[in-house]
Amino acid sequence: MNAEEIREYCLLKVGVTEDFPFDNETLVFKIGGKIFLLMSLEKQPTTINLKANPDWSIELREEYVQIVSGYHMNKKHWNTIITEGLKRDFLIKLINHSYDLVFASLTKKLREELMNENS
């Protein structure tokens, strides 16, 4: 997946917003004001940071050379992923996992509000 495909996919998800809170190069996707994906628009190949379950993160880093501990992030909870060479379905699974983790961390009230906005 390239940067535009990732962006389009993220924006299809319930309650997602995008902005550039850090600089003009790092596009950030949030749900309920919390980050679930960061993407460098300058780096080639496309590189993204995603949240993941700590145990799964260890497995992913051992299995895929494209997945390393999160650059400038909490290394326990975040991975940096070079998308080149990874299948679209697998990248979507990683994006969904990050989104789901962050969505689940929101308050029940906020989760319900976000779901009702898209009903």
N, C-alpha and C. Protein backbone atom coordinates (compact mmCIF):
# COMPACT_ATOMS: atom_id res chain seq x y z
N MET A 1 0.85 -1.19 0.00
CA MET A 1 0.00 0.00 0.00
C MET A 1 0.88 1.23 0.00
N ASN A 2 0.51 2.21 -0.78
CA ASN A 2 1.23 3.47 -0.76
C ASN A 2 0.53 4.44 0.21
N ALA A 3 1.11 5.61 0.37
CA ALA A 3 0.60 6.57 1.35
C ALA A 3 -0.85 6.96 1.08
N GLU A 4 -1.19 7.18 -0.17
CA GLU A 4 -2.57 7.59 -0.49
C GLU A 4 -3.56 6.47 -0.21
N GLU A 5 -3.21 5.24 -0.49
CA GLU A 5 -4.09 4.10 -0.20
C GLU A 5 -4.30 3.96 1.30
N ILE A 6 -3.24 4.14 2.07
CA ILE A 6 -3.35 4.06 3.54
C ILE A 6 -4.25 5.18 4.04
N ARG A 7 -4.05 6.38 3.53
CA ARG A 7 -4.86 7.53 3.93
C ARG A 7 -6.34 7.28 3.63
N GLU A 8 -6.63 6.84 2.42
CA GLU A 8 -8.01 6.59 2.03
C GLU A 8 -8.64 5.51 2.92
N TYR A 9 -7.89 4.46 3.22
CA TYR A 9 -8.43 3.40 4.07
C TYR A 9 -8.73 3.92 5.48
N CYS A 10 -7.79 4.66 6.05
CA CYS A 10 -7.99 5.19 7.40
C CYS A 10 -9.21 6.09 7.49
N LEU A 11 -9.41 6.92 6.48
CA LEU A 11 -10.52 7.87 6.51
C LEU A 11 -11.89 7.20 6.34
N LEU A 12 -11.91 5.94 5.93
CA LEU A 12 -13.17 5.19 5.84
C LEU A 12 -13.64 4.70 7.21
N LYS A 13 -12.73 4.68 8.18
CA LYS A 13 -13.06 4.14 9.49
C LYS A 13 -13.85 5.17 10.31
N VAL A 14 -14.69 4.66 11.19
CA VAL A 14 -15.57 5.50 12.01
C VAL A 14 -14.78 6.49 12.86
N GLY A 15 -15.14 7.77 12.76
CA GLY A 15 -14.62 8.80 13.64
C GLY A 15 -13.19 9.24 13.42
N VAL A 16 -12.57 8.84 12.33
CA VAL A 16 -11.15 9.15 12.11
C VAL A 16 -10.97 10.59 11.62
N THR A 17 -9.98 11.25 12.20
CA THR A 17 -9.56 12.57 11.74
C THR A 17 -8.09 12.50 11.37
N GLU A 18 -7.67 13.46 10.54
CA GLU A 18 -6.26 13.53 10.14
C GLU A 18 -5.76 14.95 10.33
N ASP A 19 -4.49 15.07 10.68
CA ASP A 19 -3.88 16.40 10.76
C ASP A 19 -2.36 16.27 10.80
N PHE A 20 -1.69 17.41 10.89
CA PHE A 20 -0.23 17.49 10.94
C PHE A 20 0.18 18.20 12.23
N PRO A 21 0.07 17.54 13.40
CA PRO A 21 0.35 18.23 14.66
C PRO A 21 1.84 18.47 14.94
N PHE A 22 2.72 17.73 14.26
CA PHE A 22 4.14 17.80 14.58
C PHE A 22 4.94 18.62 13.56
N ASP A 23 4.67 18.38 12.29
CA ASP A 23 5.39 19.05 11.21
C ASP A 23 4.58 18.88 9.93
N ASN A 24 5.11 19.35 8.80
CA ASN A 24 4.39 19.26 7.53
C ASN A 24 4.63 17.94 6.81
N GLU A 25 5.37 17.05 7.43
CA GLU A 25 5.74 15.78 6.81
C GLU A 25 5.03 14.57 7.42
N THR A 26 4.66 14.67 8.69
CA THR A 26 4.10 13.53 9.40
C THR A 26 2.59 13.66 9.51
N LEU A 27 1.89 12.85 8.72
CA LEU A 27 0.43 12.84 8.74
C LEU A 27 -0.02 11.91 9.87
N VAL A 28 -0.93 12.41 10.70
CA VAL A 28 -1.37 11.69 11.88
C VAL A 28 -2.87 11.41 11.78
N PHE A 29 -3.24 10.17 12.07
CA PHE A 29 -4.65 9.77 12.09
C PHE A 29 -5.04 9.48 13.53
N LYS A 30 -6.21 10.02 13.92
CA LYS A 30 -6.68 9.88 15.29
C LYS A 30 -8.11 9.38 15.32
N ILE A 31 -8.45 8.75 16.44
CA ILE A 31 -9.83 8.40 16.75
C ILE A 31 -10.09 8.93 18.16
N GLY A 32 -11.10 9.74 18.30
CA GLY A 32 -11.41 10.32 19.61
C GLY A 32 -10.27 11.15 20.17
N GLY A 33 -9.49 11.78 19.29
CA GLY A 33 -8.38 12.62 19.72
C GLY A 33 -7.10 11.86 20.06
N LYS A 34 -7.11 10.52 19.91
CA LYS A 34 -5.93 9.71 20.21
C LYS A 34 -5.35 9.13 18.93
N ILE A 35 -4.05 9.16 18.84
CA ILE A 35 -3.34 8.70 17.64
C ILE A 35 -3.40 7.17 17.52
N PHE A 36 -3.69 6.70 16.30
CA PHE A 36 -3.57 5.26 16.03
C PHE A 36 -2.63 4.98 14.86
N LEU A 37 -2.28 6.01 14.06
CA LEU A 37 -1.36 5.81 12.95
C LEU A 37 -0.65 7.13 12.64
N LEU A 38 0.66 7.03 12.44
CA LEU A 38 1.47 8.15 11.96
C LEU A 38 2.13 7.70 10.67
N MET A 39 2.24 8.63 9.70
CA MET A 39 2.82 8.26 8.42
C MET A 39 3.69 9.40 7.90
N SER A 40 4.91 9.06 7.55
CA SER A 40 5.81 10.02 6.93
C SER A 40 5.45 10.15 5.46
N LEU A 41 5.21 11.36 5.01
CA LEU A 41 4.89 11.58 3.60
C LEU A 41 6.14 11.76 2.76
N GLU A 42 7.29 11.92 3.40
CA GLU A 42 8.54 12.14 2.68
C GLU A 42 9.34 10.86 2.46
N LYS A 43 9.23 9.91 3.36
CA LYS A 43 10.05 8.70 3.27
C LYS A 43 9.56 7.77 2.17
N GLN A 44 10.49 7.21 1.47
CA GLN A 44 10.20 6.17 0.48
C GLN A 44 11.12 5.00 0.77
N PRO A 45 10.63 3.80 0.89
CA PRO A 45 9.22 3.42 0.77
C PRO A 45 8.38 3.96 1.92
N THR A 46 7.07 3.89 1.75
CA THR A 46 6.14 4.40 2.75
C THR A 46 6.39 3.72 4.10
N THR A 47 6.46 4.56 5.15
CA THR A 47 6.71 4.09 6.51
C THR A 47 5.59 4.61 7.41
N ILE A 48 5.05 3.70 8.24
CA ILE A 48 3.99 4.07 9.17
C ILE A 48 4.32 3.58 10.57
N ASN A 49 3.77 4.26 11.56
CA ASN A 49 3.84 3.81 12.96
C ASN A 49 2.44 3.40 13.37
N LEU A 50 2.35 2.22 13.97
CA LEU A 50 1.07 1.69 14.43
C LEU A 50 1.21 1.14 15.84
N LYS A 51 0.13 1.26 16.57
CA LYS A 51 0.07 0.69 17.91
C LYS A 51 -0.22 -0.81 17.79
N ALA A 52 0.30 -1.60 18.74
CA ALA A 52 0.03 -3.04 18.73
C ALA A 52 0.13 -3.60 20.13
N ASN A 53 -0.55 -4.70 20.33
CA ASN A 53 -0.44 -5.43 21.57
C ASN A 53 1.03 -5.78 21.79
N PRO A 54 1.59 -5.52 22.98
CA PRO A 54 3.02 -5.75 23.21
C PRO A 54 3.51 -7.15 22.86
N ASP A 55 2.74 -8.18 23.20
CA ASP A 55 3.16 -9.55 22.89
C ASP A 55 3.20 -9.79 21.38
N TRP A 56 2.20 -9.28 20.68
CA TRP A 56 2.16 -9.44 19.23
C TRP A 56 3.29 -8.65 18.58
N SER A 57 3.60 -7.47 19.15
CA SER A 57 4.70 -6.65 18.62
C SER A 57 6.00 -7.44 18.59
N ILE A 58 6.27 -8.16 19.64
CA ILE A 58 7.51 -8.96 19.71
C ILE A 58 7.52 -9.99 18.58
N GLU A 59 6.40 -10.68 18.41
CA GLU A 59 6.30 -11.68 17.34
C GLU A 59 6.50 -11.05 15.96
N LEU A 60 5.84 -9.91 15.75
CA LEU A 60 5.94 -9.25 14.45
C LEU A 60 7.37 -8.84 14.14
N ARG A 61 8.05 -8.29 15.13
CA ARG A 61 9.43 -7.83 14.93
C ARG A 61 10.37 -9.00 14.66
N GLU A 62 10.08 -10.15 15.25
CA GLU A 62 10.92 -11.32 15.00
C GLU A 62 10.67 -11.92 13.62
N GLU A 63 9.44 -11.81 13.13
CA GLU A 63 9.07 -12.45 11.87
C GLU A 63 9.31 -11.59 10.63
N TYR A 64 9.18 -10.27 10.76
CA TYR A 64 9.26 -9.39 9.59
C TYR A 64 10.39 -8.37 9.74
N VAL A 65 11.28 -8.33 8.77
CA VAL A 65 12.37 -7.35 8.81
C VAL A 65 11.83 -5.93 8.62
N GLN A 66 10.64 -5.80 8.04
CA GLN A 66 10.04 -4.48 7.81
C GLN A 66 9.40 -3.89 9.07
N ILE A 67 9.34 -4.66 10.15
CA ILE A 67 8.69 -4.19 11.37
C ILE A 67 9.72 -4.11 12.49
N VAL A 68 9.88 -2.89 13.04
CA VAL A 68 10.83 -2.64 14.12
C VAL A 68 10.12 -1.85 15.22
N SER A 69 10.77 -1.70 16.35
CA SER A 69 10.16 -0.93 17.44
C SER A 69 9.92 0.51 16.96
N GLY A 70 8.87 1.11 17.50
CA GLY A 70 8.40 2.41 17.04
C GLY A 70 9.42 3.51 17.16
N TYR A 71 9.71 4.14 16.03
CA TYR A 71 10.64 5.27 15.97
C TYR A 71 10.01 6.47 16.66
N HIS A 72 10.68 7.02 17.66
CA HIS A 72 10.20 8.16 18.46
C HIS A 72 8.89 7.85 19.19
N MET A 73 8.64 6.58 19.49
CA MET A 73 7.40 6.18 20.16
C MET A 73 7.74 5.25 21.31
N ASN A 74 6.73 4.95 22.13
CA ASN A 74 6.90 3.96 23.18
C ASN A 74 7.14 2.61 22.51
N LYS A 75 8.33 2.08 22.67
CA LYS A 75 8.76 0.88 21.95
C LYS A 75 7.96 -0.37 22.35
N LYS A 76 7.34 -0.33 23.50
CA LYS A 76 6.54 -1.48 23.95
C LYS A 76 5.23 -1.56 23.18
N HIS A 77 4.66 -0.42 22.84
CA HIS A 77 3.31 -0.38 22.27
C HIS A 77 3.25 0.02 20.80
N TRP A 78 4.37 0.49 20.24
CA TRP A 78 4.34 1.01 18.87
C TRP A 78 5.38 0.33 18.00
N ASN A 79 5.01 0.11 16.74
CA ASN A 79 5.91 -0.43 15.73
C ASN A 79 6.05 0.54 14.58
N THR A 80 7.23 0.59 14.00
CA THR A 80 7.45 1.28 12.74
C THR A 80 7.46 0.21 11.66
N ILE A 81 6.67 0.46 10.62
CA ILE A 81 6.49 -0.54 9.57
C ILE A 81 6.85 0.05 8.22
N ILE A 82 7.79 -0.58 7.54
CA ILE A 82 8.10 -0.23 6.16
C ILE A 82 7.16 -1.07 5.32
N THR A 83 6.28 -0.41 4.59
CA THR A 83 5.19 -1.14 3.93
C THR A 83 5.65 -1.95 2.72
N GLU A 84 6.75 -1.59 2.14
CA GLU A 84 7.22 -2.29 0.94
C GLU A 84 7.47 -3.77 1.24
N GLY A 85 6.91 -4.62 0.41
CA GLY A 85 7.09 -6.05 0.57
C GLY A 85 6.05 -6.72 1.45
N LEU A 86 5.18 -5.94 2.07
CA LEU A 86 4.12 -6.52 2.90
C LEU A 86 2.80 -6.49 2.12
N LYS A 87 2.03 -7.55 2.26
CA LYS A 87 0.76 -7.65 1.53
C LYS A 87 -0.27 -6.68 2.07
N ARG A 88 -1.12 -6.20 1.16
CA ARG A 88 -2.18 -5.25 1.51
C ARG A 88 -3.05 -5.78 2.65
N ASP A 89 -3.48 -7.04 2.57
CA ASP A 89 -4.35 -7.61 3.61
C ASP A 89 -3.67 -7.59 4.98
N PHE A 90 -2.38 -7.86 5.00
CA PHE A 90 -1.64 -7.85 6.26
C PHE A 90 -1.54 -6.43 6.81
N LEU A 91 -1.26 -5.46 5.95
CA LEU A 91 -1.19 -4.06 6.40
C LEU A 91 -2.55 -3.60 6.93
N ILE A 92 -3.61 -3.99 6.27
CA ILE A 92 -4.95 -3.64 6.74
C ILE A 92 -5.21 -4.27 8.12
N LYS A 93 -4.76 -5.50 8.30
CA LYS A 93 -4.91 -6.16 9.61
C LYS A 93 -4.16 -5.37 10.69
N LEU A 94 -2.96 -4.91 10.39
CA LEU A 94 -2.17 -4.12 11.34
C LEU A 94 -2.84 -2.78 11.64
N ILE A 95 -3.35 -2.12 10.61
CA ILE A 95 -4.05 -0.84 10.79
C ILE A 95 -5.30 -1.04 11.64
N ASN A 96 -6.08 -2.07 11.32
CA ASN A 96 -7.30 -2.35 12.08
C ASN A 96 -6.99 -2.64 13.54
N HIS A 97 -5.92 -3.39 13.79
CA HIS A 97 -5.53 -3.72 15.16
C HIS A 97 -5.20 -2.45 15.95
N SER A 98 -4.44 -1.56 15.34
CA SER A 98 -4.08 -0.30 16.00
C SER A 98 -5.33 0.54 16.28
N TYR A 99 -6.17 0.67 15.28
CA TYR A 99 -7.42 1.43 15.43
C TYR A 99 -8.27 0.82 16.55
N ASP A 100 -8.44 -0.50 16.54
CA ASP A 100 -9.27 -1.17 17.55
C ASP A 100 -8.73 -0.99 18.96
N LEU A 101 -7.40 -1.07 19.11
CA LEU A 101 -6.79 -0.86 20.44
C LEU A 101 -7.10 0.54 20.96
N VAL A 102 -6.93 1.53 20.10
CA VAL A 102 -7.16 2.91 20.53
C VAL A 102 -8.65 3.17 20.75
N PHE A 103 -9.49 2.67 19.86
CA PHE A 103 -10.93 2.83 20.02
C PHE A 103 -11.39 2.24 21.35
N ALA A 104 -10.90 1.06 21.68
CA ALA A 104 -11.28 0.39 22.94
C ALA A 104 -10.82 1.17 24.16
N SER A 105 -9.78 1.99 24.02
CA SER A 105 -9.27 2.75 25.15
C SER A 105 -10.08 4.02 25.42
N LEU A 106 -10.97 4.38 24.51
CA LEU A 106 -11.80 5.57 24.68
C LEU A 106 -12.88 5.30 25.72
N THR A 107 -13.41 6.36 26.26
CA THR A 107 -14.51 6.18 27.21
C THR A 107 -15.72 5.60 26.48
N LYS A 108 -16.56 4.92 27.23
CA LYS A 108 -17.77 4.32 26.64
C LYS A 108 -18.62 5.41 25.99
N LYS A 109 -18.72 6.54 26.66
CA LYS A 109 -19.52 7.66 26.13
C LYS A 109 -18.98 8.12 24.78
N LEU A 110 -17.67 8.30 24.68
CA LEU A 110 -17.07 8.76 23.44
C LEU A 110 -17.22 7.71 22.33
N ARG A 111 -17.04 6.44 22.68
CA ARG A 111 -17.22 5.37 21.69
C ARG A 111 -18.65 5.40 21.13
N GLU A 112 -19.62 5.55 22.01
CA GLU A 112 -21.02 5.59 21.58
C GLU A 112 -21.29 6.81 20.72
N GLU A 113 -20.73 7.97 21.10
CA GLU A 113 -20.91 9.18 20.30
C GLU A 113 -20.35 9.00 18.89
N LEU A 114 -19.16 8.42 18.80
CA LEU A 114 -18.54 8.20 17.49
C LEU A 114 -19.35 7.22 16.65
N MET A 115 -19.86 6.19 17.25
CA MET A 115 -20.67 5.21 16.52
C MET A 115 -21.98 5.83 16.05
N ASN A 116 -22.57 6.69 16.88
CA ASN A 116 -23.85 7.31 16.52
C ASN A 116 -23.69 8.34 15.41
N GLU A 117 -22.51 8.97 15.32
CA GLU A 117 -22.26 9.94 14.25
C GLU A 117 -22.34 9.28 12.88
N ASN A 118 -21.97 8.03 12.81
CA ASN A 118 -21.93 7.33 11.53
C ASN A 118 -23.10 6.39 11.31
N SER A 119 -24.12 6.50 12.14
CA SER A 119 -25.30 5.63 11.97
C SER A 119 -26.26 6.18 10.95
